[in-house]
Structure formats: structure tokens, C-alpha cells
Amino acid sequence: MQDLALQAAGGLAIVVAVAHGVIAERRVFPDARIEPAWAFRLLRMVWQASTVDWIAVGVLLIAAPGLGSPAARHWIVGAAVVVYGYAAAGNALATRGRHIGWILMTAVVALALFGL
């Protein structure tokens, strides 16, 4: 059951990350006007860096049960809790709780912790 929880956390982490990237490209960046142009490009790449990072964490969560190492499992879950927990808290604070992102990221954290 714990392995399934980790894999579910990883799957949800990847879905949240992909949604984050797609929504930004379709709804945020087309309307954004930031000058100078290099600052706009930097902001876009930093935004998408978090998307890539979250996908990587999701892949690690899915892989953790198959690694056969309790230490690796704990480190992966610990990293996922920090990465997704920080993002969930930031999202909840920035949107005053009016965005589904923090709920989904909190679910990733809960599932990952259950998978320990």
C-alpha cells in the first residue's frame, strides 16, 4: 500500500507540474508585458524550471519503491515534501487559498508521507 501511495504521489506530481507549465504558456505569458525583453524570457524560464523540477520529483517518487533502498526512499520523500510543501504554502499564501494548486500539491505531500 505504501508503494502505491508513493507512485500515486509521483503521478499526481507530474500532472500538477504539466498543468502548471501548460497553463502558464496558454494563460499567463501571452498577456504578460514585461520589459526589458530579457527579463520576460528569464521569468518564463524560471517559471518553467519549476515545472521541470516538479516532474523530476514525480519521476523519483514513482521510482522510489523499485530502488530497494530504504535510505533512498526516505531522501526522495524528504525532498518531495520540501519541494511540494514549499510550493503549496507559497501558492496558498499568494492566492489566499483561492487556487486549486495548493490543494493538489498538499495531496502530493500527504501521499508521499503515507508512502514512507
PDB file of N, CA and C in Angstrom:
ATOM      1  N   MET A   1       0.818  -1.194   0.000  1.00  0.00           N
ATOM      2  CA  MET A   1       0.000   0.000   0.000  1.00  0.00           C
ATOM      3  C   MET A   1       0.864   1.262   0.000  1.00  0.00           C
ATOM      4  N   GLN A   2       1.991   1.204   0.722  1.00  0.00           N
ATOM      5  CA  GLN A   2       2.878   2.367   0.764  1.00  0.00           C
ATOM      6  C   GLN A   2       3.516   2.628  -0.592  1.00  0.00           C
ATOM      7  N   ASP A   3       3.853   1.561  -1.304  1.00  0.00           N
ATOM      8  CA  ASP A   3       4.428   1.731  -2.639  1.00  0.00           C
ATOM      9  C   ASP A   3       3.422   2.406  -3.571  1.00  0.00           C
ATOM     10  N   LEU A   4       2.174   1.981  -3.482  1.00  0.00           N
ATOM     11  CA  LEU A   4       1.119   2.562  -4.306  1.00  0.00           C
ATOM     12  C   LEU A   4       0.928   4.044  -3.973  1.00  0.00           C
ATOM     13  N   ALA A   5       1.015   4.392  -2.694  1.00  0.00           N
ATOM     14  CA  ALA A   5       0.884   5.792  -2.293  1.00  0.00           C
ATOM     15  C   ALA A   5       2.005   6.634  -2.891  1.00  0.00           C
ATOM     16  N   LEU A   6       3.228   6.108  -2.878  1.00  0.00           N
ATOM     17  CA  LEU A   6       4.352   6.845  -3.478  1.00  0.00           C
ATOM     18  C   LEU A   6       4.160   7.014  -4.977  1.00  0.00           C
ATOM     19  N   GLN A   7       3.715   5.964  -5.633  1.00  0.00           N
ATOM     20  CA  GLN A   7       3.511   6.050  -7.072  1.00  0.00           C
ATOM     21  C   GLN A   7       2.357   6.991  -7.411  1.00  0.00           C
ATOM     22  N   ALA A   8       1.309   7.001  -6.596  1.00  0.00           N
ATOM     23  CA  ALA A   8       0.209   7.946  -6.798  1.00  0.00           C
ATOM     24  C   ALA A   8       0.690   9.374  -6.579  1.00  0.00           C
ATOM     25  N   ALA A   9       1.523   9.572  -5.567  1.00  0.00           N
ATOM     26  CA  ALA A   9       2.098  10.896  -5.320  1.00  0.00           C
ATOM     27  C   ALA A   9       2.914  11.348  -6.526  1.00  0.00           C
ATOM     28  N   GLY A  10       3.699  10.443  -7.084  1.00  0.00           N
ATOM     29  CA  GLY A  10       4.510  10.769  -8.246  1.00  0.00           C
ATOM     30  C   GLY A  10       3.665  11.102  -9.463  1.00  0.00           C
ATOM     31  N   GLY A  11       2.631  10.309  -9.696  1.00  0.00           N
ATOM     32  CA  GLY A  11       1.733  10.575 -10.820  1.00  0.00           C
ATOM     33  C   GLY A  11       1.034  11.912 -10.682  1.00  0.00           C
ATOM     34  N   LEU A  12       0.533  12.187  -9.495  1.00  0.00           N
ATOM     35  CA  LEU A  12      -0.130  13.475  -9.253  1.00  0.00           C
ATOM     36  C   LEU A  12       0.864  14.620  -9.374  1.00  0.00           C
ATOM     37  N   ALA A  13       2.079  14.422  -8.894  1.00  0.00           N
ATOM     38  CA  ALA A  13       3.118  15.455  -9.002  1.00  0.00           C
ATOM     39  C   ALA A  13       3.373  15.806 -10.459  1.00  0.00           C
ATOM     40  N   ILE A  14       3.430  14.806 -11.315  1.00  0.00           N
ATOM     41  CA  ILE A  14       3.681  15.045 -12.736  1.00  0.00           C
ATOM     42  C   ILE A  14       2.494  15.755 -13.381  1.00  0.00           C
ATOM     43  N   VAL A  15       1.275  15.343 -13.040  1.00  0.00           N
ATOM     44  CA  VAL A  15       0.084  16.003 -13.594  1.00  0.00           C
ATOM     45  C   VAL A  15       0.040  17.474 -13.181  1.00  0.00           C
ATOM     46  N   VAL A  16       0.311  17.751 -11.914  1.00  0.00           N
ATOM     47  CA  VAL A  16       0.314  19.129 -11.420  1.00  0.00           C
ATOM     48  C   VAL A  16       1.386  19.940 -12.137  1.00  0.00           C
ATOM     49  N   ALA A  17       2.554  19.359 -12.324  1.00  0.00           N
ATOM     50  CA  ALA A  17       3.652  20.068 -12.985  1.00  0.00           C
ATOM     51  C   ALA A  17       3.319  20.395 -14.433  1.00  0.00           C
ATOM     52  N   VAL A  18       2.792  19.426 -15.148  1.00  0.00           N
ATOM     53  CA  VAL A  18       2.447  19.653 -16.557  1.00  0.00           C
ATOM     54  C   VAL A  18       1.346  20.715 -16.660  1.00  0.00           C
ATOM     55  N   ALA A  19       0.340  20.635 -15.799  1.00  0.00           N
ATOM     56  CA  ALA A  19      -0.720  21.650 -15.805  1.00  0.00           C
ATOM     57  C   ALA A  19      -0.133  23.034 -15.530  1.00  0.00           C
ATOM     58  N   HIS A  20       0.786  23.117 -14.596  1.00  0.00           N
ATOM     59  CA  HIS A  20       1.454  24.373 -14.250  1.00  0.00           C
ATOM     60  C   HIS A  20       2.140  24.973 -15.480  1.00  0.00           C
ATOM     61  N   GLY A  21       2.849  24.150 -16.211  1.00  0.00           N
ATOM     62  CA  GLY A  21       3.559  24.629 -17.396  1.00  0.00           C
ATOM     63  C   GLY A  21       2.627  25.016 -18.526  1.00  0.00           C
ATOM     64  N   VAL A  22       1.622  24.198 -18.775  1.00  0.00           N
ATOM     65  CA  VAL A  22       0.694  24.463 -19.878  1.00  0.00           C
ATOM     66  C   VAL A  22      -0.144  25.707 -19.592  1.00  0.00           C
ATOM     67  N   ILE A  23      -0.652  25.820 -18.391  1.00  0.00           N
ATOM     68  CA  ILE A  23      -1.466  26.993 -18.044  1.00  0.00           C
ATOM     69  C   ILE A  23      -0.653  28.266 -18.180  1.00  0.00           C
ATOM     70  N   ALA A  24       0.597  28.218 -17.769  1.00  0.00           N
ATOM     71  CA  ALA A  24       1.450  29.403 -17.902  1.00  0.00           C
ATOM     72  C   ALA A  24       1.612  29.795 -19.361  1.00  0.00           C
ATOM     73  N   GLU A  25       1.870  28.822 -20.213  1.00  0.00           N
ATOM     74  CA  GLU A  25       2.099  29.123 -21.631  1.00  0.00           C
ATOM     75  C   GLU A  25       0.831  29.581 -22.342  1.00  0.00           C
ATOM     76  N   ARG A  26      -0.314  29.130 -21.881  1.00  0.00           N
ATOM     77  CA  ARG A  26      -1.575  29.483 -22.548  1.00  0.00           C
ATOM     78  C   ARG A  26      -2.279  30.691 -21.946  1.00  0.00           C
ATOM     79  N   ARG A  27      -2.139  30.911 -20.624  1.00  0.00           N
ATOM     80  CA  ARG A  27      -2.940  31.951 -19.984  1.00  0.00           C
ATOM     81  C   ARG A  27      -2.139  33.071 -19.341  1.00  0.00           C
ATOM     82  N   VAL A  28      -0.920  32.787 -18.907  1.00  0.00           N
ATOM     83  CA  VAL A  28      -0.140  33.800 -18.201  1.00  0.00           C
ATOM     84  C   VAL A  28       0.760  34.570 -19.158  1.00  0.00           C
ATOM     85  N   PHE A  29       1.613  33.879 -19.862  1.00  0.00           N
ATOM     86  CA  PHE A  29       2.631  34.551 -20.672  1.00  0.00           C
ATOM     87  C   PHE A  29       2.106  35.258 -21.912  1.00  0.00           C
ATOM     88  N   PRO A  30       1.053  34.783 -22.576  1.00  0.00           N
ATOM     89  CA  PRO A  30       0.584  35.532 -23.751  1.00  0.00           C
ATOM     90  C   PRO A  30       0.128  36.958 -23.425  1.00  0.00           C
ATOM     91  N   ASP A  31      -0.378  37.186 -22.227  1.00  0.00           N
ATOM     92  CA  ASP A  31      -0.870  38.511 -21.837  1.00  0.00           C
ATOM     93  C   ASP A  31       0.147  39.328 -21.043  1.00  0.00           C
ATOM     94  N   ALA A  32       1.240  38.718 -20.661  1.00  0.00           N
ATOM     95  CA  ALA A  32       2.231  39.404 -19.823  1.00  0.00           C
ATOM     96  C   ALA A  32       3.028  40.410 -20.658  1.00  0.00           C
ATOM     97  N   ARG A  33       3.236  41.578 -20.088  1.00  0.00           N
ATOM     98  CA  ARG A  33       4.049  42.621 -20.718  1.00  0.00           C
ATOM     99  C   ARG A  33       5.133  43.016 -19.733  1.00  0.00           C
ATOM    100  N   ILE A  34       6.321  42.499 -19.959  1.00  0.00           N
ATOM    101  CA  ILE A  34       7.439  42.755 -19.066  1.00  0.00           C
ATOM    102  C   ILE A  34       8.593  43.285 -19.895  1.00  0.00           C
ATOM    103  N   GLU A  35       9.135  44.385 -19.476  1.00  0.00           N
ATOM    104  CA  GLU A  35      10.285  44.980 -20.156  1.00  0.00           C
ATOM    105  C   GLU A  35      11.430  45.056 -19.166  1.00  0.00           C
ATOM    106  N   PRO A  36      12.632  44.868 -19.599  1.00  0.00           N
ATOM    107  CA  PRO A  36      13.085  44.563 -20.952  1.00  0.00           C
ATOM    108  C   PRO A  36      12.784  43.116 -21.332  1.00  0.00           C
ATOM    109  N   ALA A  37      12.933  42.827 -22.607  1.00  0.00           N
ATOM    110  CA  ALA A  37      12.588  41.500 -23.135  1.00  0.00           C
ATOM    111  C   ALA A  37      13.368  40.385 -22.450  1.00  0.00           C
ATOM    112  N   TRP A  38      14.626  40.647 -22.086  1.00  0.00           N
ATOM    113  CA  TRP A  38      15.417  39.606 -21.431  1.00  0.00           C
ATOM    114  C   TRP A  38      14.813  39.237 -20.077  1.00  0.00           C
ATOM    115  N   ALA A  39      14.193  40.203 -19.391  1.00  0.00           N
ATOM    116  CA  ALA A  39      13.564  39.919 -18.100  1.00  0.00           C
ATOM    117  C   ALA A  39      12.340  39.021 -18.290  1.00  0.00           C
ATOM    118  N   PHE A  40      11.606  39.261 -19.373  1.00  0.00           N
ATOM    119  CA  PHE A  40      10.462  38.404 -19.684  1.00  0.00           C
ATOM    120  C   PHE A  40      10.923  36.972 -19.951  1.00  0.00           C
ATOM    121  N   ARG A  41      11.968  36.824 -20.749  1.00  0.00           N
ATOM    122  CA  ARG A  41      12.497  35.481 -21.050  1.00  0.00           C
ATOM    123  C   ARG A  41      12.997  34.800 -19.781  1.00  0.00           C
ATOM    124  N   LEU A  42      13.669  35.552 -18.923  1.00  0.00           N
ATOM    125  CA  LEU A  42      14.176  34.990 -17.667  1.00  0.00           C
ATOM    126  C   LEU A  42      13.026  34.515 -16.780  1.00  0.00           C
ATOM    127  N   LEU A  43      12.005  35.343 -16.629  1.00  0.00           N
ATOM    128  CA  LEU A  43      10.856  34.965 -15.813  1.00  0.00           C
ATOM    129  C   LEU A  43      10.188  33.706 -16.359  1.00  0.00           C
ATOM    130  N   ARG A  44      10.058  33.643 -17.667  1.00  0.00           N
ATOM    131  CA  ARG A  44       9.437  32.469 -18.288  1.00  0.00           C
ATOM    132  C   ARG A  44      10.272  31.213 -18.023  1.00  0.00           C
ATOM    133  N   MET A  45      11.583  31.306 -18.161  1.00  0.00           N
ATOM    134  CA  MET A  45      12.440  30.138 -17.939  1.00  0.00           C
ATOM    135  C   MET A  45      12.464  29.724 -16.466  1.00  0.00           C
ATOM    136  N   VAL A  46      12.444  30.681 -15.565  1.00  0.00           N
ATOM    137  CA  VAL A  46      12.404  30.352 -14.138  1.00  0.00           C
ATOM    138  C   VAL A  46      11.082  29.654 -13.804  1.00  0.00           C
ATOM    139  N   TRP A  47       9.990  30.156 -14.366  1.00  0.00           N
ATOM    140  CA  TRP A  47       8.681  29.529 -14.156  1.00  0.00           C
ATOM    141  C   TRP A  47       8.722  28.080 -14.634  1.00  0.00           C
ATOM    142  N   GLN A  48       9.242  27.874 -15.848  1.00  0.00           N
ATOM    143  CA  GLN A  48       9.256  26.528 -16.412  1.00  0.00           C
ATOM    144  C   GLN A  48      10.311  25.642 -15.752  1.00  0.00           C
ATOM    145  N   ALA A  49      11.313  26.240 -15.126  1.00  0.00           N
ATOM    146  CA  ALA A  49      12.285  25.437 -14.369  1.00  0.00           C
ATOM    147  C   ALA A  49      11.575  24.712 -13.228  1.00  0.00           C
ATOM    148  N   SER A  50      10.641  25.388 -12.571  1.00  0.00           N
ATOM    149  CA  SER A  50       9.900  24.714 -11.502  1.00  0.00           C
ATOM    150  C   SER A  50       9.048  23.587 -12.075  1.00  0.00           C
ATOM    151  N   THR A  51       8.517  23.767 -13.282  1.00  0.00           N
ATOM    152  CA  THR A  51       7.756  22.699 -13.925  1.00  0.00           C
ATOM    153  C   THR A  51       8.634  21.464 -14.122  1.00  0.00           C
ATOM    154  N   VAL A  52       9.829  21.674 -14.650  1.00  0.00           N
ATOM    155  CA  VAL A  52      10.758  20.560 -14.885  1.00  0.00           C
ATOM    156  C   VAL A  52      11.167  19.918 -13.559  1.00  0.00           C
ATOM    157  N   ASP A  53      11.432  20.742 -12.559  1.00  0.00           N
ATOM    158  CA  ASP A  53      11.818  20.218 -11.244  1.00  0.00           C
ATOM    159  C   ASP A  53      10.716  19.342 -10.653  1.00  0.00           C
ATOM    160  N   TRP A  54       9.475  19.806 -10.753  1.00  0.00           N
ATOM    161  CA  TRP A  54       8.362  19.046 -10.191  1.00  0.00           C
ATOM    162  C   TRP A  54       8.153  17.734 -10.933  1.00  0.00           C
ATOM    163  N   ILE A  55       8.373  17.737 -12.244  1.00  0.00           N
ATOM    164  CA  ILE A  55       8.284  16.485 -12.998  1.00  0.00           C
ATOM    165  C   ILE A  55       9.360  15.512 -12.518  1.00  0.00           C
ATOM    166  N   ALA A  56      10.575  16.014 -12.315  1.00  0.00           N
ATOM    167  CA  ALA A  56      11.672  15.168 -11.836  1.00  0.00           C
ATOM    168  C   ALA A  56      11.349  14.567 -10.473  1.00  0.00           C
ATOM    169  N   VAL A  57      10.778  15.355  -9.581  1.00  0.00           N
ATOM    170  CA  VAL A  57      10.392  14.839  -8.266  1.00  0.00           C
ATOM    171  C   VAL A  57       9.329  13.748  -8.433  1.00  0.00           C
ATOM    172  N   GLY A  58       8.386  13.969  -9.330  1.00  0.00           N
ATOM    173  CA  GLY A  58       7.358  12.958  -9.591  1.00  0.00           C
ATOM    174  C   GLY A  58       7.949  11.651 -10.083  1.00  0.00           C
ATOM    175  N   VAL A  59       8.905  11.743 -10.995  1.00  0.00           N
ATOM    176  CA  VAL A  59       9.573  10.542 -11.510  1.00  0.00           C
ATOM    177  C   VAL A  59      10.300   9.817 -10.372  1.00  0.00           C
ATOM    178  N   LEU A  60      10.977  10.562  -9.522  1.00  0.00           N
ATOM    179  CA  LEU A  60      11.673   9.942  -8.388  1.00  0.00           C
ATOM    180  C   LEU A  60      10.697   9.250  -7.439  1.00  0.00           C
ATOM    181  N   LEU A  61       9.553   9.866  -7.192  1.00  0.00           N
ATOM    182  CA  LEU A  61       8.550   9.244  -6.316  1.00  0.00           C
ATOM    183  C   LEU A  61       8.046   7.936  -6.919  1.00  0.00           C
ATOM    184  N   ILE A  62       7.824   7.932  -8.217  1.00  0.00           N
ATOM    185  CA  ILE A  62       7.365   6.713  -8.872  1.00  0.00           C
ATOM    186  C   ILE A  62       8.449   5.632  -8.816  1.00  0.00           C
ATOM    187  N   ALA A  63       9.697   6.020  -8.975  1.00  0.00           N
ATOM    188  CA  ALA A  63      10.805   5.067  -8.993  1.00  0.00           C
ATOM    189  C   ALA A  63      11.201   4.571  -7.607  1.00  0.00           C
ATOM    190  N   ALA A  64      10.928   5.328  -6.567  1.00  0.00           N
ATOM    191  CA  ALA A  64      11.410   5.023  -5.221  1.00  0.00           C
ATOM    192  C   ALA A  64      11.103   3.598  -4.756  1.00  0.00           C
ATOM    193  N   PRO A  65       9.881   3.077  -4.943  1.00  0.00           N
ATOM    194  CA  PRO A  65       9.627   1.712  -4.465  1.00  0.00           C
ATOM    195  C   PRO A  65      10.508   0.657  -5.125  1.00  0.00           C
ATOM    196  N   GLY A  66      10.924   0.891  -6.353  1.00  0.00           N
ATOM    197  CA  GLY A  66      11.725  -0.095  -7.062  1.00  0.00           C
ATOM    198  C   GLY A  66      13.213   0.001  -6.803  1.00  0.00           C
ATOM    199  N   LEU A  67      13.638   0.980  -6.046  1.00  0.00           N
ATOM    200  CA  LEU A  67      15.069   1.158  -5.807  1.00  0.00           C
ATOM    201  C   LEU A  67      15.625   0.185  -4.779  1.00  0.00           C
ATOM    202  N   GLY A  68      14.768  -0.339  -3.921  1.00  0.00           N
ATOM    203  CA  GLY A  68      15.218  -1.321  -2.941  1.00  0.00           C
ATOM    204  C   GLY A  68      16.082  -0.754  -1.833  1.00  0.00           C
ATOM    205  N   SER A  69      16.025   0.543  -1.632  1.00  0.00           N
ATOM    206  CA  SER A  69      16.840   1.179  -0.603  1.00  0.00           C
ATOM    207  C   SER A  69      15.955   2.046   0.297  1.00  0.00           C
ATOM    208  N   PRO A  70      15.809   1.643   1.563  1.00  0.00           N
ATOM    209  CA  PRO A  70      15.023   2.468   2.475  1.00  0.00           C
ATOM    210  C   PRO A  70      15.590   3.889   2.617  1.00  0.00           C
ATOM    211  N   ALA A  71      16.912   3.994   2.594  1.00  0.00           N
ATOM    212  CA  ALA A  71      17.520   5.326   2.716  1.00  0.00           C
ATOM    213  C   ALA A  71      17.154   6.200   1.521  1.00  0.00           C
ATOM    214  N   ALA A  72      17.226   5.648   0.316  1.00  0.00           N
ATOM    215  CA  ALA A  72      16.865   6.413  -0.884  1.00  0.00           C
ATOM    216  C   ALA A  72      15.399   6.813  -0.824  1.00  0.00           C
ATOM    217  N   ARG A  73      14.560   5.905  -0.385  1.00  0.00           N
ATOM    218  CA  ARG A  73      13.121   6.198  -0.271  1.00  0.00           C
ATOM    219  C   ARG A  73      12.891   7.379   0.662  1.00  0.00           C
ATOM    220  N   HIS A  74      13.548   7.370   1.807  1.00  0.00           N
ATOM    221  CA  HIS A  74      13.377   8.457   2.769  1.00  0.00           C
ATOM    222  C   HIS A  74      13.890   9.790   2.220  1.00  0.00           C
ATOM    223  N   TRP A  75      15.029   9.774   1.548  1.00  0.00           N
ATOM    224  CA  TRP A  75      15.573  11.007   0.981  1.00  0.00           C
ATOM    225  C   TRP A  75      14.683  11.547  -0.126  1.00  0.00           C
ATOM    226  N   ILE A  76      14.152  10.664  -0.958  1.00  0.00           N
ATOM    227  CA  ILE A  76      13.266  11.099  -2.039  1.00  0.00           C
ATOM    228  C   ILE A  76      11.989  11.696  -1.467  1.00  0.00           C
ATOM    229  N   VAL A  77      11.400  11.027  -0.500  1.00  0.00           N
ATOM    230  CA  VAL A  77      10.188  11.564   0.130  1.00  0.00           C
ATOM    231  C   VAL A  77      10.496  12.886   0.826  1.00  0.00           C
ATOM    232  N   GLY A  78      11.627  12.957   1.517  1.00  0.00           N
ATOM    233  CA  GLY A  78      12.004  14.209   2.178  1.00  0.00           C
ATOM    234  C   GLY A  78      12.139  15.356   1.194  1.00  0.00           C
ATOM    235  N   ALA A  79      12.791  15.097   0.073  1.00  0.00           N
ATOM    236  CA  ALA A  79      12.943  16.137  -0.952  1.00  0.00           C
ATOM    237  C   ALA A  79      11.585  16.530  -1.527  1.00  0.00           C
ATOM    238  N   ALA A  80      10.727  15.549  -1.777  1.00  0.00           N
ATOM    239  CA  ALA A  80       9.398  15.835  -2.324  1.00  0.00           C
ATOM    240  C   ALA A  80       8.572  16.670  -1.353  1.00  0.00           C
ATOM    241  N   VAL A  81       8.660  16.354  -0.071  1.00  0.00           N
ATOM    242  CA  VAL A  81       7.907  17.112   0.943  1.00  0.00           C
ATOM    243  C   VAL A  81       8.377  18.565   0.973  1.00  0.00           C
ATOM    244  N   VAL A  82       9.681  18.776   0.905  1.00  0.00           N
ATOM    245  CA  VAL A  82      10.208  20.147   0.912  1.00  0.00           C
ATOM    246  C   VAL A  82       9.783  20.886  -0.359  1.00  0.00           C
ATOM    247  N   VAL A  83      10.002  20.271  -1.522  1.00  0.00           N
ATOM    248  CA  VAL A  83       9.722  20.936  -2.804  1.00  0.00           C
ATOM    249  C   VAL A  83       8.234  21.229  -2.959  1.00  0.00           C
ATOM    250  N   TYR A  84       7.403  20.224  -2.770  1.00  0.00           N
ATOM    251  CA  TYR A  84       5.969  20.426  -2.939  1.00  0.00           C
ATOM    252  C   TYR A  84       5.343  21.151  -1.756  1.00  0.00           C
ATOM    253  N   GLY A  85       5.865  20.950  -0.563  1.00  0.00           N
ATOM    254  CA  GLY A  85       5.343  21.670   0.598  1.00  0.00           C
ATOM    255  C   GLY A  85       5.576  23.166   0.495  1.00  0.00           C
ATOM    256  N   TYR A  86       6.772  23.551   0.076  1.00  0.00           N
ATOM    257  CA  TYR A  86       7.089  24.966  -0.117  1.00  0.00           C
ATOM    258  C   TYR A  86       6.199  25.572  -1.201  1.00  0.00           C
ATOM    259  N   ALA A  87       6.033  24.845  -2.304  1.00  0.00           N
ATOM    260  CA  ALA A  87       5.194  25.337  -3.397  1.00  0.00           C
ATOM    261  C   ALA A  87       3.732  25.456  -2.956  1.00  0.00           C
ATOM    262  N   ALA A  88       3.255  24.483  -2.197  1.00  0.00           N
ATOM    263  CA  ALA A  88       1.869  24.523  -1.717  1.00  0.00           C
ATOM    264  C   ALA A  88       1.655  25.710  -0.784  1.00  0.00           C
ATOM    265  N   ALA A  89       2.581  25.915   0.135  1.00  0.00           N
ATOM    266  CA  ALA A  89       2.458  27.044   1.068  1.00  0.00           C
ATOM    267  C   ALA A  89       2.519  28.372   0.316  1.00  0.00           C
ATOM    268  N   GLY A  90       3.452  28.494  -0.617  1.00  0.00           N
ATOM    269  CA  GLY A  90       3.559  29.728  -1.395  1.00  0.00           C
ATOM    270  C   GLY A  90       2.313  29.991  -2.212  1.00  0.00           C
ATOM    271  N   ASN A  91       1.772  28.956  -2.825  1.00  0.00           N
ATOM    272  CA  ASN A  91       0.565  29.098  -3.621  1.00  0.00           C
ATOM    273  C   ASN A  91      -0.616  29.505  -2.745  1.00  0.00           C
ATOM    274  N   ALA A  92      -0.769  28.854  -1.606  1.00  0.00           N
ATOM    275  CA  ALA A  92      -1.885  29.173  -0.707  1.00  0.00           C
ATOM    276  C   ALA A  92      -1.789  30.609  -0.201  1.00  0.00           C
ATOM    277  N   LEU A  93      -0.582  31.025   0.172  1.00  0.00           N
ATOM    278  CA  LEU A  93      -0.414  32.395   0.667  1.00  0.00           C
ATOM    279  C   LEU A  93      -0.618  33.427  -0.432  1.00  0.00           C
ATOM    280  N   ALA A  94      -0.036  33.194  -1.591  1.00  0.00           N
ATOM    281  CA  ALA A  94      -0.116  34.165  -2.685  1.00  0.00           C
ATOM    282  C   ALA A  94      -1.538  34.323  -3.210  1.00  0.00           C
ATOM    283  N   THR A  95      -2.299  33.236  -3.235  1.00  0.00           N
ATOM    284  CA  THR A  95      -3.667  33.299  -3.770  1.00  0.00           C
ATOM    285  C   THR A  95      -4.722  33.380  -2.676  1.00  0.00           C
ATOM    286  N   ARG A  96      -4.262  33.452  -1.430  1.00  0.00           N
ATOM    287  CA  ARG A  96      -5.163  33.459  -0.267  1.00  0.00           C
ATOM    288  C   ARG A  96      -6.098  32.251  -0.271  1.00  0.00           C
ATOM    289  N   GLY A  97      -5.548  31.137  -0.748  1.00  0.00           N
ATOM    290  CA  GLY A  97      -6.291  29.884  -0.734  1.00  0.00           C
ATOM    291  C   GLY A  97      -7.323  29.741  -1.833  1.00  0.00           C
ATOM    292  N   ARG A  98      -7.342  30.653  -2.798  1.00  0.00           N
ATOM    293  CA  ARG A  98      -8.374  30.616  -3.840  1.00  0.00           C
ATOM    294  C   ARG A  98      -7.896  29.937  -5.130  1.00  0.00           C
ATOM    295  N   HIS A  99      -6.952  29.042  -5.024  1.00  0.00           N
ATOM    296  CA  HIS A  99      -6.416  28.354  -6.201  1.00  0.00           C
ATOM    297  C   HIS A  99      -6.284  26.885  -5.865  1.00  0.00           C
ATOM    298  N   ILE A 100      -6.652  26.027  -6.780  1.00  0.00           N
ATOM    299  CA  ILE A 100      -6.630  24.588  -6.510  1.00  0.00           C
ATOM    300  C   ILE A 100      -5.212  24.019  -6.417  1.00  0.00           C
ATOM    301  N   GLY A 101      -4.227  24.767  -6.907  1.00  0.00           N
ATOM    302  CA  GLY A 101      -2.850  24.269  -6.930  1.00  0.00           C
ATOM    303  C   GLY A 101      -2.337  23.855  -5.564  1.00  0.00           C
ATOM    304  N   TRP A 102      -2.584  24.652  -4.545  1.00  0.00           N
ATOM    305  CA  TRP A 102      -2.054  24.330  -3.222  1.00  0.00           C
ATOM    306  C   TRP A 102      -2.688  23.063  -2.665  1.00  0.00           C
ATOM    307  N   ILE A 103      -3.936  22.818  -3.020  1.00  0.00           N
ATOM    308  CA  ILE A 103      -4.621  21.607  -2.545  1.00  0.00           C
ATOM    309  C   ILE A 103      -3.995  20.370  -3.198  1.00  0.00           C
ATOM    310  N   LEU A 104      -3.751  20.458  -4.498  1.00  0.00           N
ATOM    311  CA  LEU A 104      -3.158  19.329  -5.208  1.00  0.00           C
ATOM    312  C   LEU A 104      -1.726  19.070  -4.744  1.00  0.00           C
ATOM    313  N   MET A 105      -0.966  20.136  -4.517  1.00  0.00           N
ATOM    314  CA  MET A 105       0.416  19.964  -4.047  1.00  0.00           C
ATOM    315  C   MET A 105       0.440  19.408  -2.622  1.00  0.00           C
ATOM    316  N   THR A 106      -0.512  19.811  -1.803  1.00  0.00           N
ATOM    317  CA  THR A 106      -0.613  19.253  -0.454  1.00  0.00           C
ATOM    318  C   THR A 106      -0.962  17.774  -0.512  1.00  0.00           C
ATOM    319  N   ALA A 107      -1.781  17.383  -1.480  1.00  0.00           N
ATOM    320  CA  ALA A 107      -2.112  15.972  -1.659  1.00  0.00           C
ATOM    321  C   ALA A 107      -0.864  15.167  -2.034  1.00  0.00           C
ATOM    322  N   VAL A 108       0.011  15.743  -2.866  1.00  0.00           N
ATOM    323  CA  VAL A 108       1.274  15.071  -3.202  1.00  0.00           C
ATOM    324  C   VAL A 108       2.084  14.842  -1.927  1.00  0.00           C
ATOM    325  N   VAL A 109       2.185  15.882  -1.101  1.00  0.00           N
ATOM    326  CA  VAL A 109       2.937  15.767   0.158  1.00  0.00           C
ATOM    327  C   VAL A 109       2.324  14.681   1.048  1.00  0.00           C
ATOM    328  N   ALA A 110       1.003  14.687   1.206  1.00  0.00           N
ATOM    329  CA  ALA A 110       0.350  13.706   2.070  1.00  0.00           C
ATOM    330  C   ALA A 110       0.569  12.283   1.559  1.00  0.00           C
ATOM    331  N   LEU A 111       0.394  12.089   0.263  1.00  0.00           N
ATOM    332  CA  LEU A 111       0.599  10.746  -0.306  1.00  0.00           C
ATOM    333  C   LEU A 111       2.053  10.303  -0.142  1.00  0.00           C
ATOM    334  N   ALA A 112       2.971  11.211  -0.361  1.00  0.00           N
ATOM    335  CA  ALA A 112       4.404  10.860  -0.209  1.00  0.00           C
ATOM    336  C   ALA A 112       4.714  10.465   1.230  1.00  0.00           C
ATOM    337  N   LEU A 113       4.190  11.206   2.181  1.00  0.00           N
ATOM    338  CA  LEU A 113       4.426  10.877   3.587  1.00  0.00           C
ATOM    339  C   LEU A 113       3.778   9.546   3.953  1.00  0.00           C
ATOM    340  N   PHE A 114       2.602   9.283   3.402  1.00  0.00           N
ATOM    341  CA  PHE A 114       1.954   8.000   3.646  1.00  0.00           C
ATOM    342  C   PHE A 114       2.788   6.856   3.082  1.00  0.00           C
ATOM    343  N   GLY A 115       3.535   7.134   2.027  1.00  0.00           N
ATOM    344  CA  GLY A 115       4.349   6.108   1.393  1.00  0.00           C
ATOM    345  C   GLY A 115       5.637   5.766   2.089  1.00  0.00           C
ATOM    346  N   LEU A 116       5.950   6.464   3.174  1.00  0.00           N
ATOM    347  CA  LEU A 116       7.181   6.144   3.917  1.00  0.00           C
ATOM    348  C   LEU A 116       7.113   4.793   4.590  1.00  0.00           C
TER     349      LEU A 116
END
